[in-house]
C-alpha atoms as a PDB file:
ATOM      1  CA  MET A   1       0.000   0.000   0.000  1.00  0.00           C
ATOM      2  CA  ALA A   2       1.127   3.527  -0.730  1.00  0.00           C
ATOM      3  CA  HIS A   3       0.385   6.361   1.663  1.00  0.00           C
ATOM      4  CA  PHE A   4      -0.142   9.962   0.608  1.00  0.00           C
ATOM      5  CA  ALA A   5      -0.396  13.088   2.740  1.00  0.00           C
ATOM      6  CA  ARG A   6      -2.290  16.216   1.682  1.00  0.00           C
ATOM      7  CA  VAL A   7      -0.456  19.373   2.692  1.00  0.00           C
ATOM      8  CA  ASN A   8      -1.945  22.858   2.785  1.00  0.00           C
ATOM      9  CA  ASP A   9      -0.377  26.144   1.662  1.00  0.00           C
ATOM     10  CA  GLU A  10       1.632  26.294   4.910  1.00  0.00           C
ATOM     11  CA  ASN A  11       2.941  22.738   4.308  1.00  0.00           C
ATOM     12  CA  VAL A  12       0.926  21.319   7.213  1.00  0.00           C
ATOM     13  CA  VAL A  13      -0.445  17.791   6.783  1.00  0.00           C
ATOM     14  CA  GLU A  14      -4.250  17.847   6.821  1.00  0.00           C
ATOM     15  CA  GLU A  15      -5.081  14.319   5.672  1.00  0.00           C
ATOM     16  CA  VAL A  16      -3.391  10.982   5.001  1.00  0.00           C
ATOM     17  CA  ILE A  17      -4.855   8.330   2.690  1.00  0.00           C
ATOM     18  CA  VAL A  18      -3.893   4.849   1.524  1.00  0.00           C
ATOM     19  CA  VAL A  19      -3.694   4.017  -2.180  1.00  0.00           C
ATOM     20  CA  SER A  20      -3.452   0.480  -3.532  1.00  0.00           C
ATOM     21  CA  ASN A  21      -0.131  -0.636  -4.965  1.00  0.00           C
ATOM     22  CA  ASP A  22      -2.047  -1.262  -8.196  1.00  0.00           C
ATOM     23  CA  ASP A  23      -2.661   2.494  -8.406  1.00  0.00           C
ATOM     24  CA  ALA A  24       0.747   3.634  -7.134  1.00  0.00           C
ATOM     25  CA  PRO A  25       3.183   0.806  -7.887  1.00  0.00           C
ATOM     26  CA  ASP A  26       6.555   0.617  -6.125  1.00  0.00           C
ATOM     27  CA  PRO A  27       9.244   1.811  -6.018  1.00  0.00           C
ATOM     28  CA  TYR A  28       9.339   5.366  -4.677  1.00  0.00           C
ATOM     29  CA  PRO A  29       9.935   7.962  -6.187  1.00  0.00           C
ATOM     30  CA  GLU A  30       8.513   6.608  -9.452  1.00  0.00           C
ATOM     31  CA  SER A  31       5.267   5.725  -7.669  1.00  0.00           C
ATOM     32  CA  GLU A  32       4.597   9.276  -6.454  1.00  0.00           C
ATOM     33  CA  PRO A  33       3.489  10.906  -9.743  1.00  0.00           C
ATOM     34  CA  ILE A  34       1.420   7.833 -10.618  1.00  0.00           C
ATOM     35  CA  GLY A  35      -0.303   7.959  -7.238  1.00  0.00           C
ATOM     36  CA  GLN A  36      -0.814  11.728  -7.497  1.00  0.00           C
ATOM     37  CA  ALA A  37      -2.487  11.286 -10.888  1.00  0.00           C
ATOM     38  CA  PHE A  38      -4.737   8.560  -9.465  1.00  0.00           C
ATOM     39  CA  ILE A  39      -5.734  10.791  -6.548  1.00  0.00           C
ATOM     40  CA  ALA A  40      -6.521  13.723  -8.851  1.00  0.00           C
ATOM     41  CA  ASP A  41      -8.090  11.910 -11.809  1.00  0.00           C
ATOM     42  CA  VAL A  42      -9.876   8.944 -10.231  1.00  0.00           C
ATOM     43  CA  LEU A  43     -10.505   9.939  -6.619  1.00  0.00           C
ATOM     44  CA  LYS A  44     -11.099  13.564  -7.649  1.00  0.00           C
ATOM     45  CA  LEU A  45      -9.310  14.885  -4.568  1.00  0.00           C
ATOM     46  CA  ALA A  46      -7.788  18.329  -4.925  1.00  0.00           C
ATOM     47  CA  GLY A  47      -4.672  19.603  -3.232  1.00  0.00           C
ATOM     48  CA  VAL A  48      -1.012  18.807  -2.975  1.00  0.00           C
ATOM     49  CA  TRP A  49      -0.473  15.117  -2.204  1.00  0.00           C
ATOM     50  CA  LEU A  50       2.976  13.842  -1.241  1.00  0.00           C
ATOM     51  CA  GLN A  51       3.892  10.240  -0.742  1.00  0.00           C
ATOM     52  CA  THR A  52       4.916   9.288   2.773  1.00  0.00           C
ATOM     53  CA  SER A  53       6.586   6.132   4.014  1.00  0.00           C
ATOM     54  CA  TYR A  54       4.811   4.085   6.677  1.00  0.00           C
ATOM     55  CA  ASN A  55       8.151   2.634   7.796  1.00  0.00           C
ATOM     56  CA  GLY A  56      10.111   5.883   7.392  1.00  0.00           C
ATOM     57  CA  THR A  57      12.341   4.771   4.522  1.00  0.00           C
ATOM     58  CA  PHE A  58      11.966   8.141   2.782  1.00  0.00           C
ATOM     59  CA  ARG A  59      10.894  11.693   3.683  1.00  0.00           C
ATOM     60  CA  GLY A  60      12.154  11.266   7.221  1.00  0.00           C
ATOM     61  CA  ARG A  61       9.105   9.768   8.877  1.00  0.00           C
ATOM     62  CA  TYR A  62       5.509   8.813   8.301  1.00  0.00           C
ATOM     63  CA  ALA A  63       3.380  11.946   7.980  1.00  0.00           C
ATOM     64  CA  GLY A  64       0.697  12.471  10.568  1.00  0.00           C
ATOM     65  CA  ILE A  65      -2.030  15.082  10.674  1.00  0.00           C
ATOM     66  CA  GLY A  66      -0.499  18.299  11.980  1.00  0.00           C
ATOM     67  CA  TYR A  67       3.030  17.372  10.917  1.00  0.00           C
ATOM     68  CA  ARG A  68       4.835  19.757   8.594  1.00  0.00           C
ATOM     69  CA  TYR A  69       6.501  19.091   5.274  1.00  0.00           C
ATOM     70  CA  ASP A  70       9.873  20.807   4.957  1.00  0.00           C
ATOM     71  CA  PRO A  71      10.581  21.175   1.225  1.00  0.00           C
ATOM     72  CA  THR A  72      14.169  22.264   1.904  1.00  0.00           C
ATOM     73  CA  ILE A  73      15.088  18.818   3.238  1.00  0.00           C
ATOM     74  CA  ASP A  74      12.187  16.957   1.538  1.00  0.00           C
ATOM     75  CA  GLU A  75      11.013  15.484   4.839  1.00  0.00           C
ATOM     76  CA  PHE A  76       8.005  15.465   7.104  1.00  0.00           C
ATOM     77  CA  VAL A  77       8.863  16.927  10.504  1.00  0.00           C
ATOM     78  CA  LEU A  78       7.092  16.847  13.822  1.00  0.00           C
ATOM     79  CA  PRO A  79       4.720  19.701  14.608  1.00  0.00           C
ATOM     80  CA  PRO A  80       6.129  22.430  16.839  1.00  0.00           C
ATOM     81  CA  GLU A  81       5.762  21.944  20.580  1.00  0.00           C
ATOM     82  CA  PRO A  82       2.836  23.854  22.062  1.00  0.00           C
ATOM     83  CA  GLU A  83       3.660  26.967  24.057  1.00  0.00           C
ATOM     84  CA  PRO A  84       3.642  26.263  27.795  1.00  0.00           C
ATOM     85  CA  GLU A  85       0.810  27.875  29.695  1.00  0.00           C
ATOM     86  CA  PRO A  86       1.861  30.642  32.092  1.00  0.00           C
END
């Protein structure tokens, strides 16, 4: 299974979906544009979808909702720590 994360304009992950290997065949990175086309053309889901690795073999770690995508290092990073309450 291939996993894709939708990131918003601030590069924050808002959704993660699973796509069959039939629709996004291995290996990464060749599978990413195929999966993105499937998401846009068949699933009709808008937005920027980036492939994420469930076992962390690429893009740093598996993307979770609220995580950020850092395009400079091409990785998903943990969300910032909340500010402590006074």
